[in-house]
Amino acid sequence: DKGHVAYAYKTHQKTIRTNQYRLVLHKDGGQELYNHEVDPFETRNI
């Protein structure tokens, strides 16, 4: 059966994890996006 998205946080950043992607938002406006289908170790910010 399917799960759901996962949410996590630090003081100045927050993230959400879906089946395919991780998005990280920074308080200063920075963004990180990783595609786990092709980049499971989160090395390329797209």
ModelCIF file with pLDDT and N, C-alpha, C, O atoms, coordinates in Angstrom:
data_MODEL
#
_entry.id   MODEL 
#
_entity.id                         1 
_entity.type                       polymer 
_entity.pdbx_number_of_molecules   1 
#
_entity_poly.entity_id                      1 
_entity_poly.type                           'polypeptide(L)' 
_entity_poly.nstd_linkage                   no 
_entity_poly.nstd_monomer                   no 
_entity_poly.pdbx_seq_one_letter_code       DKGHVAYAYKTHQKTIRTNQYRLVLHKDGGQELYNHEVDPFETRNI 
_entity_poly.pdbx_seq_one_letter_code_can   DKGHVAYAYKTHQKTIRTNQYRLVLHKDGGQELYNHEVDPFETRNI 
_entity_poly.pdbx_strand_id                 A 
#
loop_
_entity_poly_seq.entity_id 
_entity_poly_seq.num 
_entity_poly_seq.mon_id 
_entity_poly_seq.hetero 
1 1  ASP n 
1 2  LYS n 
1 3  GLY n 
1 4  HIS n 
1 5  VAL n 
1 6  ALA n 
1 7  TYR n 
1 8  ALA n 
1 9  TYR n 
1 10 LYS n 
1 11 THR n 
1 12 HIS n 
1 13 GLN n 
1 14 LYS n 
1 15 THR n 
1 16 ILE n 
1 17 ARG n 
1 18 THR n 
1 19 ASN n 
1 20 GLN n 
1 21 TYR n 
1 22 ARG n 
1 23 LEU n 
1 24 VAL n 
1 25 LEU n 
1 26 HIS n 
1 27 LYS n 
1 28 ASP n 
1 29 GLY n 
1 30 GLY n 
1 31 GLN n 
1 32 GLU n 
1 33 LEU n 
1 34 TYR n 
1 35 ASN n 
1 36 HIS n 
1 37 GLU n 
1 38 VAL n 
1 39 ASP n 
1 40 PRO n 
1 41 PHE n 
1 42 GLU n 
1 43 THR n 
1 44 ARG n 
1 45 ASN n 
1 46 ILE n 
#
_struct_asym.id          A 
_struct_asym.entity_id   1 
#
loop_
_ma_qa_metric.id 
_ma_qa_metric.mode 
_ma_qa_metric.name 
_ma_qa_metric.software_group_id 
_ma_qa_metric.type 
1 global pLDDT . pLDDT 
2 local  pLDDT . pLDDT 
#
_ma_qa_metric_global.metric_id      1 
_ma_qa_metric_global.metric_value   97.39 
_ma_qa_metric_global.model_id       1 
_ma_qa_metric_global.ordinal_id     1 
#
loop_
_ma_qa_metric_local.label_asym_id 
_ma_qa_metric_local.label_comp_id 
_ma_qa_metric_local.label_seq_id 
_ma_qa_metric_local.metric_id 
_ma_qa_metric_local.metric_value 
_ma_qa_metric_local.model_id 
_ma_qa_metric_local.ordinal_id 
A ASP 1  2 95.00 1 1  
A LYS 2  2 92.00 1 2  
A GLY 3  2 96.00 1 3  
A HIS 4  2 97.00 1 4  
A VAL 5  2 98.00 1 5  
A ALA 6  2 98.00 1 6  
A TYR 7  2 98.00 1 7  
A ALA 8  2 98.00 1 8  
A TYR 9  2 98.00 1 9  
A LYS 10 2 98.00 1 10 
A THR 11 2 97.00 1 11 
A HIS 12 2 97.00 1 12 
A GLN 13 2 98.00 1 13 
A LYS 14 2 98.00 1 14 
A THR 15 2 98.00 1 15 
A ILE 16 2 98.00 1 16 
A ARG 17 2 98.00 1 17 
A THR 18 2 98.00 1 18 
A ASN 19 2 97.00 1 19 
A GLN 20 2 98.00 1 20 
A TYR 21 2 98.00 1 21 
A ARG 22 2 98.00 1 22 
A LEU 23 2 98.00 1 23 
A VAL 24 2 98.00 1 24 
A LEU 25 2 98.00 1 25 
A HIS 26 2 98.00 1 26 
A LYS 27 2 96.00 1 27 
A ASP 28 2 96.00 1 28 
A GLY 29 2 96.00 1 29 
A GLY 30 2 97.00 1 30 
A GLN 31 2 97.00 1 31 
A GLU 32 2 98.00 1 32 
A LEU 33 2 98.00 1 33 
A TYR 34 2 98.00 1 34 
A ASN 35 2 98.00 1 35 
A HIS 36 2 98.00 1 36 
A GLU 37 2 98.00 1 37 
A VAL 38 2 98.00 1 38 
A ASP 39 2 98.00 1 39 
A PRO 40 2 97.00 1 40 
A PHE 41 2 97.00 1 41 
A GLU 42 2 98.00 1 42 
A THR 43 2 97.00 1 43 
A ARG 44 2 97.00 1 44 
A ASN 45 2 97.00 1 45 
A ILE 46 2 98.00 1 46 
#
loop_
_atom_site.group_PDB 
_atom_site.id 
_atom_site.type_symbol 
_atom_site.label_atom_id 
_atom_site.label_alt_id 
_atom_site.label_comp_id 
_atom_site.label_asym_id 
_atom_site.label_entity_id 
_atom_site.label_seq_id 
_atom_site.pdbx_PDB_ins_code 
_atom_site.Cartn_x 
_atom_site.Cartn_y 
_atom_site.Cartn_z 
_atom_site.occupancy 
_atom_site.B_iso_or_equiv 
_atom_site.pdbx_formal_charge 
_atom_site.auth_seq_id 
_atom_site.auth_comp_id 
_atom_site.auth_asym_id 
_atom_site.auth_atom_id 
_atom_site.pdbx_PDB_model_num 
ATOM 1   N N  . ASP A 1 1  ? 0.835  -1.195 0.000   1.00 95.00 ? 1  ASP A N  1 
ATOM 2   C CA . ASP A 1 1  ? 0.000  0.000  0.000   1.00 95.00 ? 1  ASP A CA 1 
ATOM 3   C C  . ASP A 1 1  ? 0.875  1.252  0.000   1.00 95.00 ? 1  ASP A C  1 
ATOM 4   O O  . ASP A 1 1  ? 2.041  1.208  0.393   1.00 95.00 ? 1  ASP A O  1 
ATOM 5   N N  . LYS A 1 2  ? 0.298  2.367  -0.446  1.00 92.00 ? 2  LYS A N  1 
ATOM 6   C CA . LYS A 1 2  ? 1.056  3.608  -0.556  1.00 92.00 ? 2  LYS A CA 1 
ATOM 7   C C  . LYS A 1 2  ? 1.190  4.295  0.795   1.00 92.00 ? 2  LYS A C  1 
ATOM 8   O O  . LYS A 1 2  ? 0.341  4.144  1.673   1.00 92.00 ? 2  LYS A O  1 
ATOM 9   N N  . GLY A 1 3  ? 2.261  5.043  0.943   1.00 96.00 ? 3  GLY A N  1 
ATOM 10  C CA . GLY A 1 3  ? 2.460  5.867  2.117   1.00 96.00 ? 3  GLY A CA 1 
ATOM 11  C C  . GLY A 1 3  ? 2.041  7.297  1.814   1.00 96.00 ? 3  GLY A C  1 
ATOM 12  O O  . GLY A 1 3  ? 1.016  7.529  1.174   1.00 96.00 ? 3  GLY A O  1 
ATOM 13  N N  . HIS A 1 4  ? 2.829  8.241  2.270   1.00 97.00 ? 4  HIS A N  1 
ATOM 14  C CA . HIS A 1 4  ? 2.502  9.652  2.064   1.00 97.00 ? 4  HIS A CA 1 
ATOM 15  C C  . HIS A 1 4  ? 3.788  10.459 2.111   1.00 97.00 ? 4  HIS A C  1 
ATOM 16  O O  . HIS A 1 4  ? 4.856  9.884  2.320   1.00 97.00 ? 4  HIS A O  1 
ATOM 17  N N  . VAL A 1 5  ? 3.725  11.759 1.927   1.00 98.00 ? 5  VAL A N  1 
ATOM 18  C CA . VAL A 1 5  ? 4.931  12.584 1.959   1.00 98.00 ? 5  VAL A CA 1 
ATOM 19  C C  . VAL A 1 5  ? 5.429  12.701 3.401   1.00 98.00 ? 5  VAL A C  1 
ATOM 20  O O  . VAL A 1 5  ? 4.656  12.568 4.349   1.00 98.00 ? 5  VAL A O  1 
ATOM 21  N N  . ALA A 1 6  ? 6.734  12.952 3.549   1.00 98.00 ? 6  ALA A N  1 
ATOM 22  C CA . ALA A 1 6  ? 7.346  13.097 4.866   1.00 98.00 ? 6  ALA A CA 1 
ATOM 23  C C  . ALA A 1 6  ? 7.904  14.506 5.011   1.00 98.00 ? 6  ALA A C  1 
ATOM 24  O O  . ALA A 1 6  ? 8.498  15.053 4.082   1.00 98.00 ? 6  ALA A O  1 
ATOM 25  N N  . TYR A 1 7  ? 7.704  15.077 6.183   1.00 98.00 ? 7  TYR A N  1 
ATOM 26  C CA . TYR A 1 7  ? 8.072  16.462 6.467   1.00 98.00 ? 7  TYR A CA 1 
ATOM 27  C C  . TYR A 1 7  ? 9.118  16.491 7.577   1.00 98.00 ? 7  TYR A C  1 
ATOM 28  O O  . TYR A 1 7  ? 9.035  15.721 8.534   1.00 98.00 ? 7  TYR A O  1 
ATOM 29  N N  . ALA A 1 8  ? 10.098 17.378 7.449   1.00 98.00 ? 8  ALA A N  1 
ATOM 30  C CA . ALA A 1 8  ? 11.117 17.518 8.490   1.00 98.00 ? 8  ALA A CA 1 
ATOM 31  C C  . ALA A 1 8  ? 11.614 18.960 8.518   1.00 98.00 ? 8  ALA A C  1 
ATOM 32  O O  . ALA A 1 8  ? 11.438 19.720 7.565   1.00 98.00 ? 8  ALA A O  1 
ATOM 33  N N  . TYR A 1 9  ? 12.240 19.313 9.638   1.00 98.00 ? 9  TYR A N  1 
ATOM 34  C CA . TYR A 1 9  ? 12.603 20.720 9.805   1.00 98.00 ? 9  TYR A CA 1 
ATOM 35  C C  . TYR A 1 9  ? 13.799 20.900 10.729  1.00 98.00 ? 9  TYR A C  1 
ATOM 36  O O  . TYR A 1 9  ? 14.048 20.103 11.633  1.00 98.00 ? 9  TYR A O  1 
ATOM 37  N N  . LYS A 1 10 ? 14.530 21.981 10.466  1.00 98.00 ? 10 LYS A N  1 
ATOM 38  C CA . LYS A 1 10 ? 15.509 22.582 11.364  1.00 98.00 ? 10 LYS A CA 1 
ATOM 39  C C  . LYS A 1 10 ? 15.015 23.997 11.662  1.00 98.00 ? 10 LYS A C  1 
ATOM 40  O O  . LYS A 1 10 ? 13.910 24.367 11.265  1.00 98.00 ? 10 LYS A O  1 
ATOM 41  N N  . THR A 1 11 ? 15.818 24.775 12.350  1.00 97.00 ? 11 THR A N  1 
ATOM 42  C CA . THR A 1 11 ? 15.383 26.131 12.684  1.00 97.00 ? 11 THR A CA 1 
ATOM 43  C C  . THR A 1 11 ? 15.237 27.005 11.452  1.00 97.00 ? 11 THR A C  1 
ATOM 44  O O  . THR A 1 11 ? 14.299 27.799 11.370  1.00 97.00 ? 11 THR A O  1 
ATOM 45  N N  . HIS A 1 12 ? 16.146 26.876 10.490  1.00 97.00 ? 12 HIS A N  1 
ATOM 46  C CA . HIS A 1 12 ? 16.154 27.770 9.334   1.00 97.00 ? 12 HIS A CA 1 
ATOM 47  C C  . HIS A 1 12 ? 15.872 27.072 8.004   1.00 97.00 ? 12 HIS A C  1 
ATOM 48  O O  . HIS A 1 12 ? 15.933 27.712 6.954   1.00 97.00 ? 12 HIS A O  1 
ATOM 49  N N  . GLN A 1 13 ? 15.569 25.790 8.027   1.00 98.00 ? 13 GLN A N  1 
ATOM 50  C CA . GLN A 1 13 ? 15.258 25.057 6.804   1.00 98.00 ? 13 GLN A CA 1 
ATOM 51  C C  . GLN A 1 13 ? 14.157 24.046 7.057   1.00 98.00 ? 13 GLN A C  1 
ATOM 52  O O  . GLN A 1 13 ? 13.988 23.555 8.173   1.00 98.00 ? 13 GLN A O  1 
ATOM 53  N N  . LYS A 1 14 ? 13.402 23.739 5.995   1.00 98.00 ? 14 LYS A N  1 
ATOM 54  C CA . LYS A 1 14 ? 12.357 22.721 6.072   1.00 98.00 ? 14 LYS A CA 1 
ATOM 55  C C  . LYS A 1 14 ? 12.396 21.899 4.789   1.00 98.00 ? 14 LYS A C  1 
ATOM 56  O O  . LYS A 1 14 ? 12.835 22.367 3.738   1.00 98.00 ? 14 LYS A O  1 
ATOM 57  N N  . THR A 1 15 ? 11.921 20.653 4.907   1.00 98.00 ? 15 THR A N  1 
ATOM 58  C CA . THR A 1 15 ? 12.012 19.765 3.750   1.00 98.00 ? 15 THR A CA 1 
ATOM 59  C C  . THR A 1 15 ? 10.778 18.881 3.645   1.00 98.00 ? 15 THR A C  1 
ATOM 60  O O  . THR A 1 15 ? 10.095 18.607 4.632   1.00 98.00 ? 15 THR A O  1 
ATOM 61  N N  . ILE A 1 16 ? 10.516 18.447 2.427   1.00 98.00 ? 16 ILE A N  1 
ATOM 62  C CA . ILE A 1 16 ? 9.457  17.467 2.188   1.00 98.00 ? 16 ILE A CA 1 
ATOM 63  C C  . ILE A 1 16 ? 10.022 16.396 1.263   1.00 98.00 ? 16 ILE A C  1 
ATOM 64  O O  . ILE A 1 16 ? 10.770 16.685 0.329   1.00 98.00 ? 16 ILE A O  1 
ATOM 65  N N  . ARG A 1 17 ? 9.647  15.162 1.546   1.00 98.00 ? 17 ARG A N  1 
ATOM 66  C CA . ARG A 1 17 ? 10.135 14.018 0.754   1.00 98.00 ? 17 ARG A CA 1 
ATOM 67  C C  . ARG A 1 17 ? 8.944  13.290 0.159   1.00 98.00 ? 17 ARG A C  1 
ATOM 68  O O  . ARG A 1 17 ? 8.062  12.837 0.889   1.00 98.00 ? 17 ARG A O  1 
ATOM 69  N N  . THR A 1 18 ? 8.913  13.174 -1.166  1.00 98.00 ? 18 THR A N  1 
ATOM 70  C CA . THR A 1 18 ? 7.903  12.384 -1.851  1.00 98.00 ? 18 THR A CA 1 
ATOM 71  C C  . THR A 1 18 ? 8.557  11.099 -2.340  1.00 98.00 ? 18 THR A C  1 
ATOM 72  O O  . THR A 1 18 ? 9.733  10.862 -2.065  1.00 98.00 ? 18 THR A O  1 
ATOM 73  N N  . ASN A 1 19 ? 7.818  10.274 -3.054  1.00 97.00 ? 19 ASN A N  1 
ATOM 74  C CA . ASN A 1 19 ? 8.410  9.045  -3.584  1.00 97.00 ? 19 ASN A CA 1 
ATOM 75  C C  . ASN A 1 19 ? 9.576  9.332  -4.519  1.00 97.00 ? 19 ASN A C  1 
ATOM 76  O O  . ASN A 1 19 ? 10.514 8.540  -4.605  1.00 97.00 ? 19 ASN A O  1 
ATOM 77  N N  . GLN A 1 20 ? 9.523  10.452 -5.214  1.00 98.00 ? 20 GLN A N  1 
ATOM 78  C CA . GLN A 1 20 ? 10.558 10.742 -6.205  1.00 98.00 ? 20 GLN A CA 1 
ATOM 79  C C  . GLN A 1 20 ? 11.488 11.881 -5.817  1.00 98.00 ? 20 GLN A C  1 
ATOM 80  O O  . GLN A 1 20 ? 12.660 11.872 -6.193  1.00 98.00 ? 20 GLN A O  1 
ATOM 81  N N  . TYR A 1 21 ? 10.994 12.851 -5.081  1.00 98.00 ? 21 TYR A N  1 
ATOM 82  C CA . TYR A 1 21 ? 11.769 14.078 -4.872  1.00 98.00 ? 21 TYR A CA 1 
ATOM 83  C C  . TYR A 1 21 ? 11.973 14.418 -3.389  1.00 98.00 ? 21 TYR A C  1 
ATOM 84  O O  . TYR A 1 21 ? 11.200 14.016 -2.520  1.00 98.00 ? 21 TYR A O  1 
ATOM 85  N N  . ARG A 1 22 ? 13.038 15.170 -3.142  1.00 98.00 ? 22 ARG A N  1 
ATOM 86  C CA . ARG A 1 22 ? 13.215 15.886 -1.884  1.00 98.00 ? 22 ARG A CA 1 
ATOM 87  C C  . ARG A 1 22 ? 13.384 17.363 -2.205  1.00 98.00 ? 22 ARG A C  1 
ATOM 88  O O  . ARG A 1 22 ? 14.236 17.747 -3.007  1.00 98.00 ? 22 ARG A O  1 
ATOM 89  N N  . LEU A 1 23 ? 12.551 18.191 -1.559  1.00 98.00 ? 23 LEU A N  1 
ATOM 90  C CA . LEU A 1 23 ? 12.672 19.640 -1.655  1.00 98.00 ? 23 LEU A CA 1 
ATOM 91  C C  . LEU A 1 23 ? 13.093 20.178 -0.299  1.00 98.00 ? 23 LEU A C  1 
ATOM 92  O O  . LEU A 1 23 ? 12.516 19.811 0.725   1.00 98.00 ? 23 LEU A O  1 
ATOM 93  N N  . VAL A 1 24 ? 14.100 21.049 -0.288  1.00 98.00 ? 24 VAL A N  1 
ATOM 94  C CA . VAL A 1 24 ? 14.527 21.746 0.922   1.00 98.00 ? 24 VAL A CA 1 
ATOM 95  C C  . VAL A 1 24 ? 14.391 23.238 0.681   1.00 98.00 ? 24 VAL A C  1 
ATOM 96  O O  . VAL A 1 24 ? 14.918 23.761 -0.300  1.00 98.00 ? 24 VAL A O  1 
ATOM 97  N N  . LEU A 1 25 ? 13.688 23.927 1.572   1.00 98.00 ? 25 LEU A N  1 
ATOM 98  C CA . LEU A 1 25 ? 13.544 25.374 1.496   1.00 98.00 ? 25 LEU A CA 1 
ATOM 99  C C  . LEU A 1 25 ? 14.308 26.012 2.655   1.00 98.00 ? 25 LEU A C  1 
ATOM 100 O O  . LEU A 1 25 ? 14.188 25.587 3.804   1.00 98.00 ? 25 LEU A O  1 
ATOM 101 N N  . HIS A 1 26 ? 15.095 27.039 2.333   1.00 98.00 ? 26 HIS A N  1 
ATOM 102 C CA . HIS A 1 26 ? 15.865 27.764 3.331   1.00 98.00 ? 26 HIS A CA 1 
ATOM 103 C C  . HIS A 1 26 ? 15.173 29.069 3.679   1.00 98.00 ? 26 HIS A C  1 
ATOM 104 O O  . HIS A 1 26 ? 14.512 29.677 2.837   1.00 98.00 ? 26 HIS A O  1 
ATOM 105 N N  . LYS A 1 27 ? 15.326 29.493 4.918   1.00 96.00 ? 27 LYS A N  1 
ATOM 106 C CA . LYS A 1 27 ? 14.689 30.728 5.376   1.00 96.00 ? 27 LYS A CA 1 
ATOM 107 C C  . LYS A 1 27 ? 15.171 31.932 4.582   1.00 96.00 ? 27 LYS A C  1 
ATOM 108 O O  . LYS A 1 27 ? 14.434 32.903 4.413   1.00 96.00 ? 27 LYS A O  1 
ATOM 109 N N  . ASP A 1 28 ? 16.419 31.870 4.089   1.00 96.00 ? 28 ASP A N  1 
ATOM 110 C CA . ASP A 1 28 ? 16.972 32.988 3.322   1.00 96.00 ? 28 ASP A CA 1 
ATOM 111 C C  . ASP A 1 28 ? 16.589 32.942 1.845   1.00 96.00 ? 28 ASP A C  1 
ATOM 112 O O  . ASP A 1 28 ? 17.075 33.749 1.054   1.00 96.00 ? 28 ASP A O  1 
ATOM 113 N N  . GLY A 1 29 ? 15.710 31.991 1.464   1.00 96.00 ? 29 GLY A N  1 
ATOM 114 C CA . GLY A 1 29 ? 15.248 31.894 0.082   1.00 96.00 ? 29 GLY A CA 1 
ATOM 115 C C  . GLY A 1 29 ? 15.915 30.814 -0.740  1.00 96.00 ? 29 GLY A C  1 
ATOM 116 O O  . GLY A 1 29 ? 15.482 30.549 -1.861  1.00 96.00 ? 29 GLY A O  1 
ATOM 117 N N  . GLY A 1 30 ? 16.947 30.185 -0.225  1.00 97.00 ? 30 GLY A N  1 
ATOM 118 C CA . GLY A 1 30 ? 17.616 29.117 -0.959  1.00 97.00 ? 30 GLY A CA 1 
ATOM 119 C C  . GLY A 1 30 ? 16.721 27.901 -1.147  1.00 97.00 ? 30 GLY A C  1 
ATOM 120 O O  . GLY A 1 30 ? 15.841 27.629 -0.331  1.00 97.00 ? 30 GLY A O  1 
ATOM 121 N N  . GLN A 1 31 ? 16.959 27.171 -2.240  1.00 97.00 ? 31 GLN A N  1 
ATOM 122 C CA . GLN A 1 31 ? 16.144 25.996 -2.560  1.00 97.00 ? 31 GLN A CA 1 
ATOM 123 C C  . GLN A 1 31 ? 17.045 24.833 -2.971  1.00 97.00 ? 31 GLN A C  1 
ATOM 124 O O  . GLN A 1 31 ? 18.057 25.027 -3.644  1.00 97.00 ? 31 GLN A O  1 
ATOM 125 N N  . GLU A 1 32 ? 16.666 23.630 -2.561  1.00 98.00 ? 32 GLU A N  1 
ATOM 126 C CA . GLU A 1 32 ? 17.332 22.413 -3.003  1.00 98.00 ? 32 GLU A CA 1 
ATOM 127 C C  . GLU A 1 32 ? 16.265 21.448 -3.500  1.00 98.00 ? 32 GLU A C  1 
ATOM 128 O O  . GLU A 1 32 ? 15.230 21.265 -2.858  1.00 98.00 ? 32 GLU A O  1 
ATOM 129 N N  . LEU A 1 33 ? 16.523 20.840 -4.637  1.00 98.00 ? 33 LEU A N  1 
ATOM 130 C CA . LEU A 1 33 ? 15.608 19.829 -5.177  1.00 98.00 ? 33 LEU A CA 1 
ATOM 131 C C  . LEU A 1 33 ? 16.431 18.666 -5.702  1.00 98.00 ? 33 LEU A C  1 
ATOM 132 O O  . LEU A 1 33 ? 17.356 18.858 -6.491  1.00 98.00 ? 33 LEU A O  1 
ATOM 133 N N  . TYR A 1 34 ? 16.096 17.464 -5.266  1.00 98.00 ? 34 TYR A N  1 
ATOM 134 C CA . TYR A 1 34 ? 16.808 16.262 -5.689  1.00 98.00 ? 34 TYR A CA 1 
ATOM 135 C C  . TYR A 1 34 ? 15.820 15.244 -6.233  1.00 98.00 ? 34 TYR A C  1 
ATOM 136 O O  . TYR A 1 34 ? 14.746 15.037 -5.668  1.00 98.00 ? 34 TYR A O  1 
ATOM 137 N N  . ASN A 1 35 ? 16.196 14.611 -7.337  1.00 98.00 ? 35 ASN A N  1 
ATOM 138 C CA . ASN A 1 35 ? 15.378 13.583 -7.972  1.00 98.00 ? 35 ASN A CA 1 
ATOM 139 C C  . ASN A 1 35 ? 15.941 12.221 -7.581  1.00 98.00 ? 35 ASN A C  1 
ATOM 140 O O  . ASN A 1 35 ? 16.988 11.817 -8.086  1.00 98.00 ? 35 ASN A O  1 
ATOM 141 N N  . HIS A 1 36 ? 15.262 11.517 -6.696  1.00 98.00 ? 36 HIS A N  1 
ATOM 142 C CA . HIS A 1 36 ? 15.777 10.262 -6.169  1.00 98.00 ? 36 HIS A CA 1 
ATOM 143 C C  . HIS A 1 36 ? 15.749 9.124  -7.179  1.00 98.00 ? 36 HIS A C  1 
ATOM 144 O O  . HIS A 1 36 ? 16.404 8.103  -6.967  1.00 98.00 ? 36 HIS A O  1 
ATOM 145 N N  . GLU A 1 37 ? 15.023 9.271  -8.248  1.00 98.00 ? 37 GLU A N  1 
ATOM 146 C CA . GLU A 1 37 ? 15.023 8.213  -9.269  1.00 98.00 ? 37 GLU A CA 1 
ATOM 147 C C  . GLU A 1 37 ? 16.365 8.112  -9.967  1.00 98.00 ? 37 GLU A C  1 
ATOM 148 O O  . GLU A 1 37 ? 16.781 7.025  -10.368 1.00 98.00 ? 37 GLU A O  1 
ATOM 149 N N  . VAL A 1 38 ? 17.046 9.245  -10.113 1.00 98.00 ? 38 VAL A N  1 
ATOM 150 C CA . VAL A 1 38 ? 18.336 9.254  -10.814 1.00 98.00 ? 38 VAL A CA 1 
ATOM 151 C C  . VAL A 1 38 ? 19.488 9.708  -9.921  1.00 98.00 ? 38 VAL A C  1 
ATOM 152 O O  . VAL A 1 38 ? 20.654 9.595  -10.299 1.00 98.00 ? 38 VAL A O  1 
ATOM 153 N N  . ASP A 1 39 ? 19.158 10.224 -8.733  1.00 98.00 ? 39 ASP A N  1 
ATOM 154 C CA . ASP A 1 39 ? 20.175 10.785 -7.845  1.00 98.00 ? 39 ASP A CA 1 
ATOM 155 C C  . ASP A 1 39 ? 19.865 10.412 -6.391  1.00 98.00 ? 39 ASP A C  1 
ATOM 156 O O  . ASP A 1 39 ? 19.525 11.284 -5.591  1.00 98.00 ? 39 ASP A O  1 
ATOM 157 N N  . PRO A 1 40 ? 19.980 9.123  -6.042  1.00 97.00 ? 40 PRO A N  1 
ATOM 158 C CA . PRO A 1 40 ? 19.574 8.665  -4.703  1.00 97.00 ? 40 PRO A CA 1 
ATOM 159 C C  . PRO A 1 40 ? 20.421 9.218  -3.564  1.00 97.00 ? 40 PRO A C  1 
ATOM 160 O O  . PRO A 1 40 ? 19.991 9.184  -2.411  1.00 97.00 ? 40 PRO A O  1 
ATOM 161 N N  . PHE A 1 41 ? 21.613 9.726  -3.862  1.00 97.00 ? 41 PHE A N  1 
ATOM 162 C CA . PHE A 1 41 ? 22.477 10.259 -2.808  1.00 97.00 ? 41 PHE A CA 1 
ATOM 163 C C  . PHE A 1 41 ? 22.444 11.781 -2.730  1.00 97.00 ? 41 PHE A C  1 
ATOM 164 O O  . PHE A 1 41 ? 23.257 12.389 -2.034  1.00 97.00 ? 41 PHE A O  1 
ATOM 165 N N  . GLU A 1 42 ? 21.510 12.390 -3.439  1.00 98.00 ? 42 GLU A N  1 
ATOM 166 C CA . GLU A 1 42 ? 21.258 13.828 -3.352  1.00 98.00 ? 42 GLU A CA 1 
ATOM 167 C C  . GLU A 1 42 ? 22.527 14.645 -3.595  1.00 98.00 ? 42 GLU A C  1 
ATOM 168 O O  . GLU A 1 42 ? 22.968 15.406 -2.734  1.00 98.00 ? 42 GLU A O  1 
ATOM 169 N N  . THR A 1 43 ? 23.096 14.474 -4.772  1.00 97.00 ? 43 THR A N  1 
ATOM 170 C CA . THR A 1 43 ? 24.338 15.179 -5.113  1.00 97.00 ? 43 THR A CA 1 
ATOM 171 C C  . THR A 1 43 ? 24.146 16.284 -6.131  1.00 97.00 ? 43 THR A C  1 
ATOM 172 O O  . THR A 1 43 ? 25.036 17.114 -6.314  1.00 97.00 ? 43 THR A O  1 
ATOM 173 N N  . ARG A 1 44 ? 22.979 16.312 -6.811  1.00 97.00 ? 44 ARG A N  1 
ATOM 174 C CA . ARG A 1 44 ? 22.761 17.323 -7.858  1.00 97.00 ? 44 ARG A CA 1 
ATOM 175 C C  . ARG A 1 44 ? 21.483 18.102 -7.573  1.00 97.00 ? 44 ARG A C  1 
ATOM 176 O O  . ARG A 1 44 ? 20.383 17.556 -7.654  1.00 97.00 ? 44 ARG A O  1 
ATOM 177 N N  . ASN A 1 45 ? 21.634 19.365 -7.244  1.00 97.00 ? 45 ASN A N  1 
ATOM 178 C CA . ASN A 1 45 ? 20.498 20.246 -6.969  1.00 97.00 ? 45 ASN A CA 1 
ATOM 179 C C  . ASN A 1 45 ? 19.899 20.721 -8.292  1.00 97.00 ? 45 ASN A C  1 
ATOM 180 O O  . ASN A 1 45 ? 20.562 21.415 -9.063  1.00 97.00 ? 45 ASN A O  1 
ATOM 181 N N  . ILE A 1 46 ? 18.646 20.347 -8.555  1.00 98.00 ? 46 ILE A N  1 
ATOM 182 C CA . ILE A 1 46 ? 18.004 20.678 -9.832  1.00 98.00 ? 46 ILE A CA 1 
ATOM 183 C C  . ILE A 1 46 ? 16.876 21.703 -9.652  1.00 98.00 ? 46 ILE A C  1 
ATOM 184 O O  . ILE A 1 46 ? 16.233 22.090 -10.627 1.00 98.00 ? 46 ILE A O  1 
#
